[in-house]
């Protein structure tokens, strides 16, 4: 549990390590696309870490990175094929950012830093923690951007739901809300900076209290 919590809080890939920013800046205009992307990365990270932890002793140092990228890209391709075959609308929502998980610095970074050195169990727990941390971060940013920027919260729409059920909640508008800039690229930077600063302040306060 400590390893999982470490990935969610102490080494949160988005708010602490500040990695994997492209999806955060591109897909967090809707809450739906944020948690779906996070779940895909979590699954790919888990399988990749486990396989790398299993084969790490037989992979020569000279070809470690190409081999690890090949393993990661294999799982990305499997997920992409499954989504395109069975849930094409979901594949459309994630777009180019799903195959780009292959070169996501979070996945390759954990492979190099953890899976290539630690046991299978530790590698799996680390993948779960980092994956959940990244998913939660995407969800927080997306909720902030969509709720304040568009006045909606999209859990699923009619085109991406397996059941056709629609869950888009409209929030009341005011003289201040919605703040349309939050749905633009600039708004992504504003939201990211706000939560990175807030997270840093929270962590700093906790450290100070512990002394």
N, C-alpha and C. Protein backbone atom coordinates (compact mmCIF):
# COMPACT_ATOMS: atom_id res chain seq x y z
N UNK A 1 0.82 -1.20 0.00
CA UNK A 1 0.00 0.00 0.00
C UNK A 1 0.86 1.27 0.00
N UNK A 2 2.01 1.19 0.70
CA UNK A 2 2.90 2.35 0.76
C UNK A 2 3.41 2.73 -0.63
N UNK A 3 3.73 1.72 -1.44
CA UNK A 3 4.23 1.98 -2.79
C UNK A 3 3.14 2.63 -3.65
N UNK A 4 1.92 2.16 -3.50
CA UNK A 4 0.80 2.72 -4.27
C UNK A 4 0.55 4.17 -3.87
N UNK A 5 0.52 4.43 -2.57
CA UNK A 5 0.29 5.80 -2.09
C UNK A 5 1.43 6.72 -2.51
N UNK A 6 2.63 6.18 -2.57
CA UNK A 6 3.77 6.98 -3.01
C UNK A 6 3.57 7.47 -4.44
N UNK A 7 3.04 6.60 -5.31
CA UNK A 7 2.79 6.98 -6.69
C UNK A 7 1.66 7.99 -6.83
N UNK A 8 0.71 7.94 -5.91
CA UNK A 8 -0.43 8.85 -5.98
C UNK A 8 -0.07 10.22 -5.42
N UNK A 9 0.71 10.26 -4.35
CA UNK A 9 0.99 11.53 -3.67
C UNK A 9 2.44 12.00 -3.80
N UNK A 10 3.38 11.28 -3.21
CA UNK A 10 4.77 11.75 -3.15
C UNK A 10 5.42 11.84 -4.52
N UNK A 11 5.08 10.93 -5.43
CA UNK A 11 5.66 10.95 -6.76
C UNK A 11 4.57 11.04 -7.82
N UNK A 12 3.56 11.83 -7.55
CA UNK A 12 2.49 11.98 -8.54
C UNK A 12 3.10 12.45 -9.86
N UNK A 13 2.88 11.69 -10.93
CA UNK A 13 3.56 12.01 -12.19
C UNK A 13 3.21 13.37 -12.77
N UNK A 14 2.02 13.87 -12.47
CA UNK A 14 1.59 15.13 -13.03
C UNK A 14 1.93 16.31 -12.12
N UNK A 15 1.60 16.21 -10.86
CA UNK A 15 1.72 17.35 -9.96
C UNK A 15 3.06 17.45 -9.24
N UNK A 16 3.83 16.36 -9.22
CA UNK A 16 5.14 16.37 -8.55
C UNK A 16 6.27 16.21 -9.57
N UNK A 17 6.20 15.13 -10.37
CA UNK A 17 7.24 14.89 -11.36
C UNK A 17 7.05 15.72 -12.62
N UNK A 18 5.83 16.22 -12.82
CA UNK A 18 5.48 17.05 -13.99
C UNK A 18 5.85 16.34 -15.29
N UNK A 19 5.31 15.14 -15.47
CA UNK A 19 5.56 14.34 -16.66
C UNK A 19 4.24 14.04 -17.38
N UNK A 20 4.33 13.64 -18.64
CA UNK A 20 3.14 13.27 -19.40
C UNK A 20 2.17 14.42 -19.58
N UNK A 21 2.70 15.59 -19.91
CA UNK A 21 1.86 16.79 -19.96
C UNK A 21 1.01 16.89 -21.24
N UNK A 22 1.45 16.28 -22.32
CA UNK A 22 0.70 16.42 -23.58
C UNK A 22 -0.76 16.01 -23.46
N UNK A 23 -1.06 14.81 -22.94
CA UNK A 23 -2.48 14.46 -22.77
C UNK A 23 -3.20 15.40 -21.81
N UNK A 24 -2.49 15.85 -20.77
CA UNK A 24 -3.13 16.73 -19.79
C UNK A 24 -3.56 18.04 -20.42
N UNK A 25 -2.77 18.52 -21.35
CA UNK A 25 -3.07 19.79 -22.00
C UNK A 25 -4.05 19.63 -23.15
N UNK A 26 -4.16 18.41 -23.69
CA UNK A 26 -4.96 18.22 -24.90
C UNK A 26 -6.34 17.61 -24.66
N UNK A 27 -6.44 16.65 -23.74
CA UNK A 27 -7.70 15.90 -23.63
C UNK A 27 -8.52 16.25 -22.40
N UNK A 28 -8.03 17.17 -21.57
CA UNK A 28 -8.73 17.45 -20.32
C UNK A 28 -9.82 18.52 -20.46
N UNK A 29 -10.28 18.74 -21.68
CA UNK A 29 -11.42 19.64 -21.85
C UNK A 29 -12.71 18.96 -21.43
N UNK A 30 -12.68 17.60 -21.36
CA UNK A 30 -13.84 16.84 -20.90
C UNK A 30 -13.41 15.84 -19.83
N UNK A 31 -14.22 15.72 -18.82
CA UNK A 31 -13.94 14.79 -17.72
C UNK A 31 -13.88 13.36 -18.24
N UNK A 32 -14.75 13.04 -19.19
CA UNK A 32 -14.83 11.68 -19.74
C UNK A 32 -13.51 11.25 -20.38
N UNK A 33 -12.96 12.08 -21.26
CA UNK A 33 -11.73 11.70 -21.95
C UNK A 33 -10.55 11.60 -20.99
N UNK A 34 -10.59 12.36 -19.89
CA UNK A 34 -9.49 12.34 -18.92
C UNK A 34 -9.41 11.01 -18.20
N UNK A 35 -10.53 10.54 -17.65
CA UNK A 35 -10.44 9.28 -16.90
C UNK A 35 -10.25 8.08 -17.82
N UNK A 36 -10.74 8.17 -19.06
CA UNK A 36 -10.52 7.08 -20.00
C UNK A 36 -9.05 6.97 -20.38
N UNK A 37 -8.39 8.10 -20.64
CA UNK A 37 -6.97 8.10 -20.95
C UNK A 37 -6.16 7.58 -19.77
N UNK A 38 -6.53 8.01 -18.56
CA UNK A 38 -5.83 7.56 -17.37
C UNK A 38 -5.93 6.05 -17.18
N UNK A 39 -7.10 5.50 -17.41
CA UNK A 39 -7.29 4.05 -17.26
C UNK A 39 -6.48 3.28 -18.28
N UNK A 40 -6.42 3.78 -19.52
CA UNK A 40 -5.63 3.11 -20.56
C UNK A 40 -4.15 3.11 -20.18
N UNK A 41 -3.66 4.25 -19.72
CA UNK A 41 -2.25 4.31 -19.32
C UNK A 41 -1.98 3.40 -18.13
N UNK A 42 -2.90 3.33 -17.19
CA UNK A 42 -2.75 2.46 -16.03
C UNK A 42 -2.62 1.00 -16.46
N UNK A 43 -3.48 0.55 -17.36
CA UNK A 43 -3.44 -0.84 -17.83
C UNK A 43 -2.13 -1.14 -18.55
N UNK A 44 -1.74 -0.24 -19.44
CA UNK A 44 -0.50 -0.44 -20.20
C UNK A 44 0.70 -0.43 -19.28
N UNK A 45 0.72 0.47 -18.31
CA UNK A 45 1.84 0.56 -17.36
C UNK A 45 1.95 -0.71 -16.52
N UNK A 46 0.84 -1.25 -16.08
CA UNK A 46 0.85 -2.48 -15.28
C UNK A 46 1.44 -3.65 -16.05
N UNK A 47 0.93 -3.90 -17.26
CA UNK A 47 1.41 -5.03 -18.05
C UNK A 47 2.87 -4.84 -18.46
N UNK A 48 3.23 -3.63 -18.84
CA UNK A 48 4.60 -3.36 -19.26
C UNK A 48 5.58 -3.57 -18.11
N UNK A 49 5.25 -3.04 -16.95
CA UNK A 49 6.15 -3.19 -15.80
C UNK A 49 6.35 -4.65 -15.41
N UNK A 50 5.27 -5.41 -15.44
CA UNK A 50 5.37 -6.82 -15.06
C UNK A 50 6.25 -7.59 -16.05
N UNK A 51 6.02 -7.40 -17.34
CA UNK A 51 6.81 -8.12 -18.35
C UNK A 51 8.28 -7.71 -18.27
N UNK A 52 8.54 -6.42 -18.12
CA UNK A 52 9.93 -5.95 -18.04
C UNK A 52 10.61 -6.49 -16.79
N UNK A 53 9.88 -6.55 -15.69
CA UNK A 53 10.45 -7.09 -14.46
C UNK A 53 10.79 -8.57 -14.61
N UNK A 54 10.02 -9.28 -15.41
CA UNK A 54 10.27 -10.71 -15.63
C UNK A 54 11.51 -10.94 -16.48
N UNK A 55 11.68 -10.14 -17.53
CA UNK A 55 12.76 -10.40 -18.49
C UNK A 55 14.00 -9.55 -18.26
N UNK A 56 14.02 -8.72 -17.23
CA UNK A 56 15.10 -7.74 -17.07
C UNK A 56 16.49 -8.38 -17.02
N UNK A 57 16.61 -9.57 -16.49
CA UNK A 57 17.93 -10.20 -16.34
C UNK A 57 18.48 -10.75 -17.65
N UNK A 58 17.64 -10.94 -18.63
CA UNK A 58 18.12 -11.52 -19.89
C UNK A 58 18.25 -10.48 -21.00
N UNK A 59 17.93 -9.22 -20.68
CA UNK A 59 18.04 -8.16 -21.69
C UNK A 59 19.38 -7.45 -21.53
N UNK A 60 20.23 -7.45 -22.54
CA UNK A 60 21.52 -6.75 -22.46
C UNK A 60 21.33 -5.25 -22.26
N UNK A 61 22.22 -4.62 -21.51
CA UNK A 61 22.12 -3.19 -21.24
C UNK A 61 22.12 -2.36 -22.51
N UNK A 62 22.82 -2.81 -23.52
CA UNK A 62 22.96 -2.04 -24.76
C UNK A 62 21.64 -1.88 -25.52
N UNK A 63 20.71 -2.80 -25.30
CA UNK A 63 19.44 -2.73 -26.04
C UNK A 63 18.24 -2.63 -25.11
N UNK A 64 18.47 -2.23 -23.89
CA UNK A 64 17.36 -2.16 -22.94
C UNK A 64 16.25 -1.22 -23.41
N UNK A 65 16.59 -0.01 -23.78
CA UNK A 65 15.58 0.97 -24.15
C UNK A 65 14.76 0.52 -25.36
N UNK A 66 15.41 0.07 -26.46
CA UNK A 66 14.60 -0.42 -27.60
C UNK A 66 13.68 -1.58 -27.23
N UNK A 67 14.18 -2.50 -26.40
CA UNK A 67 13.35 -3.64 -26.00
C UNK A 67 12.18 -3.17 -25.16
N UNK A 68 12.42 -2.26 -24.23
CA UNK A 68 11.34 -1.77 -23.37
C UNK A 68 10.29 -1.02 -24.19
N UNK A 69 10.74 -0.21 -25.15
CA UNK A 69 9.79 0.51 -26.00
C UNK A 69 8.97 -0.47 -26.84
N UNK A 70 9.60 -1.54 -27.30
CA UNK A 70 8.88 -2.56 -28.07
C UNK A 70 7.80 -3.22 -27.22
N UNK A 71 8.12 -3.52 -25.97
CA UNK A 71 7.14 -4.12 -25.06
C UNK A 71 5.98 -3.17 -24.81
N UNK A 72 6.31 -1.91 -24.53
CA UNK A 72 5.26 -0.91 -24.27
C UNK A 72 4.38 -0.73 -25.50
N UNK A 73 5.01 -0.61 -26.67
CA UNK A 73 4.23 -0.40 -27.91
C UNK A 73 3.34 -1.60 -28.22
N UNK A 74 3.78 -2.79 -27.82
CA UNK A 74 2.94 -3.98 -28.03
C UNK A 74 1.64 -3.88 -27.27
N UNK A 75 1.72 -3.50 -26.00
CA UNK A 75 0.50 -3.37 -25.19
C UNK A 75 -0.35 -2.19 -25.64
N UNK A 76 0.29 -1.12 -26.08
CA UNK A 76 -0.47 0.01 -26.62
C UNK A 76 -1.24 -0.42 -27.86
N UNK A 77 -0.60 -1.18 -28.72
CA UNK A 77 -1.25 -1.65 -29.95
C UNK A 77 -2.42 -2.59 -29.63
N UNK A 78 -2.23 -3.46 -28.64
CA UNK A 78 -3.30 -4.37 -28.24
C UNK A 78 -4.51 -3.59 -27.76
N UNK A 79 -4.28 -2.60 -26.87
CA UNK A 79 -5.38 -1.77 -26.37
C UNK A 79 -6.05 -1.02 -27.51
N UNK A 80 -5.23 -0.49 -28.41
CA UNK A 80 -5.78 0.28 -29.54
C UNK A 80 -6.65 -0.60 -30.44
N UNK A 81 -6.19 -1.82 -30.71
CA UNK A 81 -6.97 -2.74 -31.56
C UNK A 81 -8.29 -3.12 -30.88
N UNK A 82 -8.22 -3.39 -29.58
CA UNK A 82 -9.43 -3.76 -28.83
C UNK A 82 -10.46 -2.63 -28.88
N UNK A 83 -9.98 -1.40 -28.64
CA UNK A 83 -10.90 -0.26 -28.63
C UNK A 83 -11.48 0.00 -30.02
N UNK A 84 -10.65 -0.07 -31.06
CA UNK A 84 -11.14 0.18 -32.41
C UNK A 84 -12.14 -0.88 -32.84
N UNK A 85 -11.95 -2.11 -32.35
CA UNK A 85 -12.82 -3.21 -32.75
C UNK A 85 -14.14 -3.21 -32.00
N UNK A 86 -14.07 -3.02 -30.69
CA UNK A 86 -15.26 -3.17 -29.86
C UNK A 86 -15.87 -1.84 -29.37
N UNK A 87 -15.02 -0.81 -29.21
CA UNK A 87 -15.54 0.48 -28.74
C UNK A 87 -14.93 1.58 -29.60
N UNK A 88 -15.27 1.65 -30.87
CA UNK A 88 -14.66 2.62 -31.78
C UNK A 88 -14.85 4.08 -31.35
N UNK A 89 -15.98 4.37 -30.75
CA UNK A 89 -16.22 5.75 -30.31
C UNK A 89 -15.21 6.17 -29.23
N UNK A 90 -14.87 5.23 -28.36
CA UNK A 90 -13.88 5.51 -27.32
C UNK A 90 -12.52 5.73 -27.94
N UNK A 91 -12.19 4.95 -28.96
CA UNK A 91 -10.93 5.13 -29.67
C UNK A 91 -10.88 6.51 -30.31
N UNK A 92 -12.00 6.97 -30.84
CA UNK A 92 -12.06 8.29 -31.47
C UNK A 92 -11.85 9.40 -30.44
N UNK A 93 -12.38 9.20 -29.24
CA UNK A 93 -12.24 10.21 -28.19
C UNK A 93 -10.77 10.41 -27.82
N UNK A 94 -10.05 9.31 -27.66
CA UNK A 94 -8.65 9.39 -27.25
C UNK A 94 -7.74 9.79 -28.41
N UNK A 95 -8.14 9.45 -29.62
CA UNK A 95 -7.43 9.91 -30.80
C UNK A 95 -5.96 9.52 -30.82
N UNK A 96 -5.13 10.43 -31.29
CA UNK A 96 -3.69 10.18 -31.45
C UNK A 96 -2.99 10.00 -30.12
N UNK A 97 -3.62 10.45 -29.02
CA UNK A 97 -2.95 10.41 -27.73
C UNK A 97 -2.89 9.01 -27.14
N UNK A 98 -3.70 8.10 -27.64
CA UNK A 98 -3.59 6.70 -27.20
C UNK A 98 -2.31 6.05 -27.75
N UNK A 99 -2.05 6.06 -29.05
CA UNK A 99 -0.78 5.48 -29.53
C UNK A 99 0.45 6.20 -29.01
N UNK A 100 0.31 7.48 -28.66
CA UNK A 100 1.45 8.23 -28.14
C UNK A 100 1.87 7.78 -26.75
N UNK A 101 1.07 6.93 -26.10
CA UNK A 101 1.48 6.37 -24.81
C UNK A 101 2.77 5.58 -24.97
N UNK A 102 3.03 5.09 -26.18
CA UNK A 102 4.26 4.34 -26.46
C UNK A 102 5.49 5.13 -26.06
N UNK A 103 5.48 6.42 -26.32
CA UNK A 103 6.65 7.25 -26.01
C UNK A 103 6.38 8.17 -24.81
N UNK A 104 5.35 7.85 -24.06
CA UNK A 104 5.07 8.64 -22.86
C UNK A 104 6.20 8.46 -21.86
N UNK A 105 6.76 9.56 -21.39
CA UNK A 105 7.92 9.50 -20.51
C UNK A 105 7.60 8.84 -19.17
N UNK A 106 6.34 8.84 -18.77
CA UNK A 106 5.97 8.18 -17.52
C UNK A 106 6.17 6.68 -17.64
N UNK A 107 5.66 6.08 -18.71
CA UNK A 107 5.73 4.63 -18.87
C UNK A 107 7.17 4.16 -19.02
N UNK A 108 7.91 4.79 -19.92
CA UNK A 108 9.31 4.40 -20.11
C UNK A 108 10.15 4.71 -18.87
N UNK A 109 9.83 5.83 -18.22
CA UNK A 109 10.57 6.20 -17.02
C UNK A 109 10.42 5.20 -15.89
N UNK A 110 9.21 4.70 -15.68
CA UNK A 110 8.99 3.71 -14.62
C UNK A 110 9.62 2.38 -15.00
N UNK A 111 9.65 2.08 -16.30
CA UNK A 111 10.30 0.85 -16.75
C UNK A 111 11.79 0.89 -16.43
N UNK A 112 12.41 2.04 -16.67
CA UNK A 112 13.85 2.17 -16.43
C UNK A 112 14.17 2.28 -14.94
N UNK A 113 13.35 3.05 -14.22
CA UNK A 113 13.66 3.34 -12.83
C UNK A 113 13.23 2.24 -11.86
N UNK A 114 12.17 1.51 -12.20
CA UNK A 114 11.61 0.54 -11.25
C UNK A 114 11.61 -0.88 -11.81
N UNK A 115 10.89 -1.09 -12.90
CA UNK A 115 10.70 -2.46 -13.42
C UNK A 115 12.01 -3.14 -13.78
N UNK A 116 13.00 -2.38 -14.24
CA UNK A 116 14.28 -2.97 -14.65
C UNK A 116 15.19 -3.28 -13.46
N UNK A 117 14.75 -2.89 -12.25
CA UNK A 117 15.60 -3.06 -11.07
C UNK A 117 14.92 -3.82 -9.93
N UNK A 118 13.61 -3.72 -9.84
CA UNK A 118 12.90 -4.26 -8.69
C UNK A 118 12.20 -5.58 -9.03
N UNK A 119 11.57 -6.16 -8.00
CA UNK A 119 10.84 -7.42 -8.16
C UNK A 119 9.56 -7.21 -8.95
N UNK A 120 8.94 -8.31 -9.36
CA UNK A 120 7.69 -8.23 -10.10
C UNK A 120 6.60 -7.56 -9.26
N UNK A 121 6.52 -7.94 -7.99
CA UNK A 121 5.50 -7.38 -7.11
C UNK A 121 5.67 -5.88 -6.94
N UNK A 122 6.90 -5.45 -6.68
CA UNK A 122 7.17 -4.02 -6.51
C UNK A 122 6.87 -3.25 -7.79
N UNK A 123 7.25 -3.83 -8.93
CA UNK A 123 7.00 -3.18 -10.22
C UNK A 123 5.51 -3.02 -10.48
N UNK A 124 4.73 -4.05 -10.14
CA UNK A 124 3.29 -3.98 -10.33
C UNK A 124 2.66 -2.93 -9.42
N UNK A 125 3.05 -2.93 -8.16
CA UNK A 125 2.50 -1.95 -7.22
C UNK A 125 2.87 -0.53 -7.61
N UNK A 126 4.10 -0.36 -8.09
CA UNK A 126 4.52 0.96 -8.55
C UNK A 126 3.69 1.41 -9.74
N UNK A 127 3.42 0.49 -10.67
CA UNK A 127 2.60 0.81 -11.84
C UNK A 127 1.19 1.22 -11.42
N UNK A 128 0.63 0.51 -10.45
CA UNK A 128 -0.72 0.84 -9.97
C UNK A 128 -0.72 2.23 -9.34
N UNK A 129 0.26 2.51 -8.50
CA UNK A 129 0.32 3.81 -7.84
C UNK A 129 0.51 4.95 -8.81
N UNK A 130 1.48 4.82 -9.71
CA UNK A 130 1.74 5.87 -10.69
C UNK A 130 0.55 6.03 -11.64
N UNK A 131 -0.04 4.91 -12.07
CA UNK A 131 -1.18 4.96 -12.96
C UNK A 131 -2.39 5.64 -12.32
N UNK A 132 -2.65 5.30 -11.07
CA UNK A 132 -3.76 5.95 -10.35
C UNK A 132 -3.47 7.42 -10.12
N UNK A 133 -2.22 7.73 -9.77
CA UNK A 133 -1.85 9.12 -9.55
C UNK A 133 -2.05 9.96 -10.80
N UNK A 134 -1.67 9.41 -11.94
CA UNK A 134 -1.83 10.11 -13.21
C UNK A 134 -3.30 10.25 -13.57
N UNK A 135 -4.07 9.19 -13.35
CA UNK A 135 -5.50 9.22 -13.66
C UNK A 135 -6.21 10.25 -12.80
N UNK A 136 -5.93 10.26 -11.51
CA UNK A 136 -6.56 11.23 -10.61
C UNK A 136 -6.19 12.66 -11.01
N UNK A 137 -4.93 12.86 -11.40
CA UNK A 137 -4.50 14.20 -11.79
C UNK A 137 -5.24 14.67 -13.04
N UNK A 138 -5.36 13.79 -14.03
CA UNK A 138 -6.10 14.13 -15.24
C UNK A 138 -7.56 14.45 -14.92
N UNK A 139 -8.15 13.65 -14.04
CA UNK A 139 -9.55 13.86 -13.68
C UNK A 139 -9.76 15.18 -12.97
N UNK A 140 -8.84 15.54 -12.08
CA UNK A 140 -8.96 16.80 -11.34
C UNK A 140 -8.87 17.99 -12.29
N UNK A 141 -7.87 17.95 -13.19
CA UNK A 141 -7.69 19.05 -14.14
C UNK A 141 -8.90 19.14 -15.07
N UNK A 142 -9.37 17.99 -15.56
CA UNK A 142 -10.50 17.99 -16.48
C UNK A 142 -11.79 18.48 -15.81
N UNK A 143 -12.01 18.05 -14.58
CA UNK A 143 -13.20 18.49 -13.85
C UNK A 143 -13.17 20.01 -13.69
N UNK A 144 -12.02 20.53 -13.32
CA UNK A 144 -11.84 21.98 -13.13
C UNK A 144 -12.08 22.72 -14.44
N UNK A 145 -11.48 22.24 -15.53
CA UNK A 145 -11.58 22.93 -16.81
C UNK A 145 -12.99 22.85 -17.40
N UNK A 146 -13.60 21.65 -17.34
CA UNK A 146 -14.92 21.52 -17.96
C UNK A 146 -16.00 22.21 -17.14
N UNK A 147 -15.96 22.02 -15.82
CA UNK A 147 -17.00 22.60 -14.97
C UNK A 147 -16.97 24.12 -15.01
N UNK A 148 -15.78 24.69 -14.89
CA UNK A 148 -15.68 26.16 -14.86
C UNK A 148 -15.60 26.77 -16.25
N UNK A 149 -15.09 25.99 -17.22
CA UNK A 149 -14.91 26.55 -18.56
C UNK A 149 -16.08 26.33 -19.50
N UNK A 150 -16.81 25.22 -19.32
CA UNK A 150 -17.93 24.92 -20.21
C UNK A 150 -19.26 24.82 -19.49
N UNK A 151 -19.21 24.73 -18.17
CA UNK A 151 -20.44 24.63 -17.40
C UNK A 151 -21.09 23.26 -17.49
N UNK A 152 -20.28 22.24 -17.80
CA UNK A 152 -20.79 20.87 -17.87
C UNK A 152 -19.83 19.92 -17.18
N UNK A 153 -20.32 18.70 -16.90
CA UNK A 153 -19.48 17.61 -16.42
C UNK A 153 -19.87 16.39 -17.23
N UNK A 154 -18.98 15.91 -18.07
CA UNK A 154 -19.28 14.81 -18.99
C UNK A 154 -18.69 13.51 -18.48
N UNK A 155 -19.56 12.61 -17.99
CA UNK A 155 -19.12 11.27 -17.59
C UNK A 155 -19.14 10.33 -18.80
N UNK A 156 -20.14 10.49 -19.64
CA UNK A 156 -20.21 9.75 -20.90
C UNK A 156 -21.24 10.44 -21.77
N UNK A 157 -20.99 10.40 -23.08
CA UNK A 157 -22.01 10.94 -23.97
C UNK A 157 -22.60 9.81 -24.81
N UNK A 158 -23.54 10.13 -25.61
CA UNK A 158 -24.30 9.09 -26.31
C UNK A 158 -23.45 8.31 -27.30
N UNK A 159 -22.34 8.90 -27.77
CA UNK A 159 -21.54 8.22 -28.79
C UNK A 159 -20.48 7.31 -28.19
N UNK A 160 -20.10 7.54 -26.94
CA UNK A 160 -19.00 6.75 -26.37
C UNK A 160 -19.46 5.71 -25.35
N UNK A 161 -20.72 5.75 -25.00
CA UNK A 161 -21.22 4.82 -24.00
C UNK A 161 -21.50 3.45 -24.61
N UNK A 162 -21.15 2.42 -23.87
CA UNK A 162 -21.45 1.06 -24.32
C UNK A 162 -22.95 0.81 -24.35
N UNK A 163 -23.66 1.50 -23.49
CA UNK A 163 -25.10 1.28 -23.39
C UNK A 163 -25.91 2.34 -24.11
N UNK A 164 -25.26 3.40 -24.56
CA UNK A 164 -25.98 4.50 -25.17
C UNK A 164 -26.50 5.49 -24.14
N UNK A 165 -26.20 5.22 -22.87
CA UNK A 165 -26.66 6.11 -21.80
C UNK A 165 -25.88 7.41 -21.84
N UNK A 166 -26.55 8.49 -21.67
CA UNK A 166 -25.92 9.81 -21.75
C UNK A 166 -25.84 10.42 -20.36
N UNK A 167 -24.66 10.87 -19.99
CA UNK A 167 -24.47 11.47 -18.67
C UNK A 167 -23.63 12.73 -18.81
N UNK A 168 -24.29 13.78 -19.25
CA UNK A 168 -23.65 15.10 -19.34
C UNK A 168 -24.47 16.05 -18.48
N UNK A 169 -23.88 16.50 -17.39
CA UNK A 169 -24.60 17.34 -16.44
C UNK A 169 -24.27 18.81 -16.68
N UNK A 170 -25.30 19.60 -16.84
CA UNK A 170 -25.11 21.03 -17.07
C UNK A 170 -25.20 21.78 -15.74
N UNK A 171 -24.23 22.65 -15.52
CA UNK A 171 -24.19 23.44 -14.30
C UNK A 171 -24.82 24.80 -14.54
N UNK A 172 -25.37 25.41 -13.52
CA UNK A 172 -25.98 26.74 -13.70
C UNK A 172 -24.94 27.79 -14.07
N UNK A 173 -25.30 28.67 -14.98
CA UNK A 173 -24.39 29.74 -15.39
C UNK A 173 -24.61 30.97 -14.52
N UNK A 174 -23.56 31.77 -14.39
CA UNK A 174 -23.63 33.01 -13.62
C UNK A 174 -22.97 34.12 -14.43
N UNK A 175 -22.84 35.29 -13.82
CA UNK A 175 -22.16 36.39 -14.50
C UNK A 175 -20.68 36.10 -14.70
N UNK A 176 -20.14 35.22 -13.87
CA UNK A 176 -18.71 34.89 -13.94
C UNK A 176 -18.48 33.60 -14.71
N UNK A 177 -19.32 32.61 -14.46
CA UNK A 177 -19.15 31.30 -15.09
C UNK A 177 -20.09 31.13 -16.27
N UNK A 178 -19.70 30.39 -17.30
CA UNK A 178 -18.41 29.71 -17.46
C UNK A 178 -17.28 30.64 -17.87
N UNK A 179 -16.05 30.24 -17.57
CA UNK A 179 -14.85 30.99 -17.93
C UNK A 179 -14.29 30.32 -19.17
N UNK A 180 -14.62 30.83 -20.32
CA UNK A 180 -14.34 30.14 -21.57
C UNK A 180 -12.85 29.90 -21.83
N UNK A 181 -11.99 30.72 -21.27
CA UNK A 181 -10.56 30.56 -21.52
C UNK A 181 -10.05 29.20 -21.02
N UNK A 182 -10.74 28.61 -20.05
CA UNK A 182 -10.29 27.33 -19.49
C UNK A 182 -10.45 26.19 -20.48
N UNK A 183 -11.28 26.37 -21.50
CA UNK A 183 -11.44 25.32 -22.51
C UNK A 183 -10.42 25.47 -23.63
N UNK A 184 -9.65 26.54 -23.62
CA UNK A 184 -8.63 26.78 -24.63
C UNK A 184 -7.28 26.22 -24.17
N UNK A 185 -6.30 26.09 -25.07
CA UNK A 185 -4.97 25.62 -24.66
C UNK A 185 -4.37 26.42 -23.51
N UNK A 186 -4.58 27.72 -23.51
CA UNK A 186 -4.06 28.55 -22.42
C UNK A 186 -4.67 28.14 -21.09
N UNK A 187 -5.93 27.74 -21.13
CA UNK A 187 -6.60 27.32 -19.91
C UNK A 187 -6.00 26.06 -19.33
N UNK A 188 -5.47 25.20 -20.19
CA UNK A 188 -4.83 23.98 -19.72
C UNK A 188 -3.59 24.32 -18.90
N UNK A 189 -2.82 25.30 -19.38
CA UNK A 189 -1.63 25.72 -18.64
C UNK A 189 -2.01 26.37 -17.31
N UNK A 190 -3.07 27.16 -17.34
CA UNK A 190 -3.53 27.81 -16.10
C UNK A 190 -3.94 26.77 -15.07
N UNK A 191 -4.74 25.78 -15.51
CA UNK A 191 -5.21 24.74 -14.59
C UNK A 191 -4.05 23.91 -14.06
N UNK A 192 -3.14 23.54 -14.94
CA UNK A 192 -1.99 22.73 -14.53
C UNK A 192 -1.13 23.49 -13.52
N UNK A 193 -0.84 24.75 -13.81
CA UNK A 193 -0.02 25.55 -12.90
C UNK A 193 -0.69 25.70 -11.54
N UNK A 194 -2.00 25.89 -11.56
CA UNK A 194 -2.74 26.06 -10.30
C UNK A 194 -2.64 24.82 -9.43
N UNK A 195 -2.84 23.66 -10.03
CA UNK A 195 -2.84 22.42 -9.23
C UNK A 195 -1.43 21.98 -8.85
N UNK A 196 -0.44 22.26 -9.69
CA UNK A 196 0.94 21.96 -9.31
C UNK A 196 1.33 22.80 -8.09
N UNK A 197 0.97 24.08 -8.12
CA UNK A 197 1.27 24.97 -6.99
C UNK A 197 0.51 24.54 -5.74
N UNK A 198 -0.75 24.17 -5.91
CA UNK A 198 -1.57 23.75 -4.78
C UNK A 198 -1.03 22.47 -4.17
N UNK A 199 -0.66 21.53 -5.02
CA UNK A 199 -0.10 20.26 -4.55
C UNK A 199 1.22 20.48 -3.84
N UNK A 200 2.05 21.36 -4.39
CA UNK A 200 3.34 21.66 -3.78
C UNK A 200 3.15 22.32 -2.42
N UNK A 201 2.18 23.22 -2.33
CA UNK A 201 1.88 23.88 -1.06
C UNK A 201 1.38 22.88 -0.03
N UNK A 202 0.53 21.95 -0.47
CA UNK A 202 0.00 20.93 0.43
C UNK A 202 1.11 20.04 0.97
N UNK A 203 1.99 19.60 0.07
CA UNK A 203 3.10 18.75 0.49
C UNK A 203 4.05 19.48 1.42
N UNK A 204 4.32 20.76 1.10
CA UNK A 204 5.19 21.56 1.95
C UNK A 204 4.63 21.75 3.34
N UNK A 205 3.30 21.97 3.40
CA UNK A 205 2.66 22.12 4.70
C UNK A 205 2.71 20.87 5.53
N UNK A 206 2.55 19.71 4.88
CA UNK A 206 2.63 18.43 5.58
C UNK A 206 4.01 18.20 6.13
N UNK A 207 5.07 18.51 5.35
CA UNK A 207 6.44 18.34 5.80
C UNK A 207 6.73 19.22 7.00
N UNK A 208 6.22 20.46 6.93
CA UNK A 208 6.46 21.41 8.01
C UNK A 208 5.81 20.93 9.30
N UNK A 209 4.59 20.38 9.18
CA UNK A 209 3.87 19.90 10.36
C UNK A 209 4.58 18.70 10.98
N UNK A 210 5.20 17.85 10.13
CA UNK A 210 5.85 16.65 10.63
C UNK A 210 7.09 16.98 11.44
N UNK A 211 7.71 18.16 11.22
CA UNK A 211 8.88 18.55 11.99
C UNK A 211 8.45 19.09 13.35
